[in-house]
C-alpha atoms as a PDB file:
ATOM      1  CA  MET A   1     -22.960  27.787 -24.056  1.00  0.00           C
ATOM      2  CA  ALA A   2     -22.598  27.614 -20.263  1.00  0.00           C
ATOM      3  CA  THR A   3     -24.814  24.537 -20.144  1.00  0.00           C
ATOM      4  CA  LYS A   4     -22.662  22.696 -22.678  1.00  0.00           C
ATOM      5  CA  GLN A   5     -19.504  23.559 -20.752  1.00  0.00           C
ATOM      6  CA  SER A   6     -20.983  22.475 -17.417  1.00  0.00           C
ATOM      7  CA  GLU A   7     -22.191  19.199 -18.960  1.00  0.00           C
ATOM      8  CA  THR A   8     -18.682  18.554 -20.260  1.00  0.00           C
ATOM      9  CA  THR A   9     -17.194  19.338 -16.854  1.00  0.00           C
ATOM     10  CA  MET A  10     -19.691  17.058 -15.134  1.00  0.00           C
ATOM     11  CA  TYR A  11     -18.907  14.269 -17.612  1.00  0.00           C
ATOM     12  CA  ILE A  12     -15.160  14.617 -16.992  1.00  0.00           C
ATOM     13  CA  GLN A  13     -15.679  14.580 -13.215  1.00  0.00           C
ATOM     14  CA  LYS A  14     -17.892  11.506 -13.506  1.00  0.00           C
ATOM     15  CA  GLN A  15     -15.220   9.710 -15.539  1.00  0.00           C
ATOM     16  CA  GLN A  16     -12.556  10.647 -12.975  1.00  0.00           C
ATOM     17  CA  ARG A  17     -14.674   9.284 -10.110  1.00  0.00           C
ATOM     18  CA  LYS A  18     -15.333   6.117 -12.081  1.00  0.00           C
ATOM     19  CA  ARG A  19     -11.606   5.649 -12.740  1.00  0.00           C
ATOM     20  CA  GLU A  20     -10.807   6.305  -9.077  1.00  0.00           C
ATOM     21  CA  MET A  21     -13.388   3.727  -7.982  1.00  0.00           C
ATOM     22  CA  GLN A  22     -11.843   1.195 -10.362  1.00  0.00           C
ATOM     23  CA  HIS A  23      -8.423   1.864  -8.798  1.00  0.00           C
ATOM     24  CA  TYR A  24      -9.895   1.343  -5.318  1.00  0.00           C
ATOM     25  CA  LEU A  25     -11.517  -1.940  -6.332  1.00  0.00           C
ATOM     26  CA  VAL A  26      -8.354  -3.231  -8.009  1.00  0.00           C
ATOM     27  CA  SER A  27      -6.194  -2.340  -5.018  1.00  0.00           C
ATOM     28  CA  PHE A  28      -8.761  -3.884  -2.642  1.00  0.00           C
ATOM     29  CA  GLY A  29      -8.703  -7.058  -4.742  1.00  0.00           C
ATOM     30  CA  LEU A  30      -4.909  -7.099  -4.593  1.00  0.00           C
ATOM     31  CA  MET A  31      -5.053  -6.730  -0.802  1.00  0.00           C
ATOM     32  CA  ILE A  32      -7.315  -9.777  -0.615  1.00  0.00           C
ATOM     33  CA  ILE A  33      -4.990 -11.756  -2.903  1.00  0.00           C
ATOM     34  CA  PHE A  34      -1.923 -10.797  -0.850  1.00  0.00           C
ATOM     35  CA  THR A  35      -3.701 -11.849   2.340  1.00  0.00           C
ATOM     36  CA  LEU A  36      -4.717 -15.181   0.809  1.00  0.00           C
ATOM     37  CA  LEU A  37      -1.139 -15.735  -0.386  1.00  0.00           C
ATOM     38  CA  ALA A  38       0.141 -15.122   3.144  1.00  0.00           C
ATOM     39  CA  PHE A  39      -2.393 -17.537   4.633  1.00  0.00           C
ATOM     40  CA  GLY A  40      -1.617 -20.110   1.945  1.00  0.00           C
ATOM     41  CA  THR A  41       2.090 -19.853   2.621  1.00  0.00           C
ATOM     42  CA  VAL A  42       1.542 -20.518   6.318  1.00  0.00           C
ATOM     43  CA  MET A  43      -0.845 -23.395   5.638  1.00  0.00           C
ATOM     44  CA  ILE A  44       1.600 -25.317   3.413  1.00  0.00           C
ATOM     45  CA  ASP A  45       3.894 -27.411   5.589  1.00  0.00           C
ATOM     46  CA  GLY A  46       6.667 -27.980   3.043  1.00  0.00           C
ATOM     47  CA  ILE A  47       7.797 -24.366   2.826  1.00  0.00           C
ATOM     48  CA  PRO A  48      10.796 -23.448   5.022  1.00  0.00           C
ATOM     49  CA  LYS A  49      10.033 -21.147   7.953  1.00  0.00           C
ATOM     50  CA  HIS A  50      12.645 -18.568   6.930  1.00  0.00           C
ATOM     51  CA  PHE A  51      11.075 -18.195   3.496  1.00  0.00           C
ATOM     52  CA  THR A  52       7.598 -18.007   5.013  1.00  0.00           C
ATOM     53  CA  SER A  53       8.652 -15.219   7.382  1.00  0.00           C
ATOM     54  CA  PHE A  54      10.407 -13.269   4.629  1.00  0.00           C
ATOM     55  CA  PHE A  55       7.454 -13.700   2.255  1.00  0.00           C
ATOM     56  CA  ILE A  56       4.868 -12.579   4.809  1.00  0.00           C
ATOM     57  CA  VAL A  57       6.891  -9.504   5.790  1.00  0.00           C
ATOM     58  CA  THR A  58       7.375  -8.616   2.115  1.00  0.00           C
ATOM     59  CA  LEU A  59       3.641  -8.927   1.458  1.00  0.00           C
ATOM     60  CA  ALA A  60       2.913  -6.811   4.535  1.00  0.00           C
ATOM     61  CA  ILE A  61       5.216  -4.053   3.281  1.00  0.00           C
ATOM     62  CA  VAL A  62       3.592  -4.143  -0.149  1.00  0.00           C
ATOM     63  CA  GLN A  63       0.133  -3.954   1.431  1.00  0.00           C
ATOM     64  CA  VAL A  64       1.108  -0.979   3.577  1.00  0.00           C
ATOM     65  CA  LEU A  65       2.450   0.855   0.526  1.00  0.00           C
ATOM     66  CA  PHE A  66      -0.710   0.120  -1.461  1.00  0.00           C
ATOM     67  CA  GLN A  67      -2.918   1.309   1.364  1.00  0.00           C
ATOM     68  CA  LEU A  68      -0.920   4.492   1.851  1.00  0.00           C
ATOM     69  CA  TYR A  69      -0.903   5.230  -1.853  1.00  0.00           C
ATOM     70  CA  TYR A  70      -4.541   4.534  -2.674  1.00  0.00           C
ATOM     71  CA  PHE A  71      -6.625   4.631   0.491  1.00  0.00           C
ATOM     72  CA  MET A  72      -4.748   7.439   2.268  1.00  0.00           C
ATOM     73  CA  HIS A  73      -4.773   9.514  -0.950  1.00  0.00           C
ATOM     74  CA  LEU A  74      -1.011  10.003  -1.061  1.00  0.00           C
ATOM     75  CA  LYS A  75      -1.245   9.875  -4.848  1.00  0.00           C
ATOM     76  CA  ASP A  76      -3.196  13.142  -4.877  1.00  0.00           C
ATOM     77  CA  LYS A  77      -1.623  16.549  -5.349  1.00  0.00           C
ATOM     78  CA  ASP A  78      -0.796  18.764  -2.359  1.00  0.00           C
ATOM     79  CA  HIS A  79       0.096  15.815  -0.139  1.00  0.00           C
ATOM     80  CA  GLY A  80       3.857  16.345  -0.300  1.00  0.00           C
ATOM     81  CA  PHE A  81       4.503  17.111   3.371  1.00  0.00           C
ATOM     82  CA  PRO A  82       2.343  14.298   4.812  1.00  0.00           C
ATOM     83  CA  THR A  83       3.987  11.882   2.384  1.00  0.00           C
ATOM     84  CA  LEU A  84       7.435  13.101   3.385  1.00  0.00           C
ATOM     85  CA  PHE A  85       6.663  12.723   7.087  1.00  0.00           C
ATOM     86  CA  ILE A  86       5.099   9.276   6.703  1.00  0.00           C
ATOM     87  CA  PHE A  87       8.011   7.880   4.725  1.00  0.00           C
ATOM     88  CA  SER A  88      10.562   9.595   6.979  1.00  0.00           C
ATOM     89  CA  GLY A  89       8.895   7.977   9.988  1.00  0.00           C
ATOM     90  CA  ALA A  90       8.921   4.616   8.229  1.00  0.00           C
ATOM     91  CA  LEU A  91      12.630   5.031   7.503  1.00  0.00           C
ATOM     92  CA  VAL A  92      13.382   5.888  11.138  1.00  0.00           C
ATOM     93  CA  ALA A  93      11.323   2.892  12.299  1.00  0.00           C
ATOM     94  CA  PHE A  94      13.157   0.605   9.866  1.00  0.00           C
ATOM     95  CA  ILE A  95      16.562   1.846  11.005  1.00  0.00           C
ATOM     96  CA  THR A  96      15.540   1.441  14.660  1.00  0.00           C
ATOM     97  CA  VAL A  97      14.337  -2.133  14.141  1.00  0.00           C
ATOM     98  CA  LEU A  98      17.449  -2.957  12.111  1.00  0.00           C
ATOM     99  CA  THR A  99      19.640  -1.549  14.882  1.00  0.00           C
ATOM    100  CA  PHE A 100      17.925  -3.568  17.615  1.00  0.00           C
ATOM    101  CA  VAL A 101      18.009  -6.744  15.551  1.00  0.00           C
ATOM    102  CA  SER A 102      21.698  -6.213  14.860  1.00  0.00           C
ATOM    103  CA  ILE A 103      22.424  -5.625  18.547  1.00  0.00           C
ATOM    104  CA  VAL A 104      20.575  -8.782  19.568  1.00  0.00           C
ATOM    105  CA  TRP A 105      22.197 -10.786  16.770  1.00  0.00           C
ATOM    106  CA  ILE A 106      25.730  -9.670  17.655  1.00  0.00           C
ATOM    107  CA  SER A 107      25.275 -10.281  21.405  1.00  0.00           C
END
C-alpha cells in the first residue's frame, strides 16, 4: 500500500516538474522573441523614433514582469512579502522617474 502511494506521489511530482520546465521554456522563448522584436524595430528605418522608444520600453517592462514571475518564482506560494516589496519598489521607481521627467519637461 505504501509503495503504491509513494509511486503516485512521485508520478505527480514528476508531472509538476515537467509542467514547470515547459513554463520555463515557453517564457524563455518569449524572451527571445521580445528581444528579436526590439532589435527588428530598431533595424527598420521607416518606423518613427517615438514609436520605437515606446515599443522597446513596453517590451522591456513585459520582459521584467515575465522574469520576475517565472524565473524569480514569484508565482509560488509563500512569496507574498517579497512580491509586495518588489512591486512597491517598482512603483516608487516609476513615480520618481515620472516626477523627474515632468520637472525637466516643464522647465
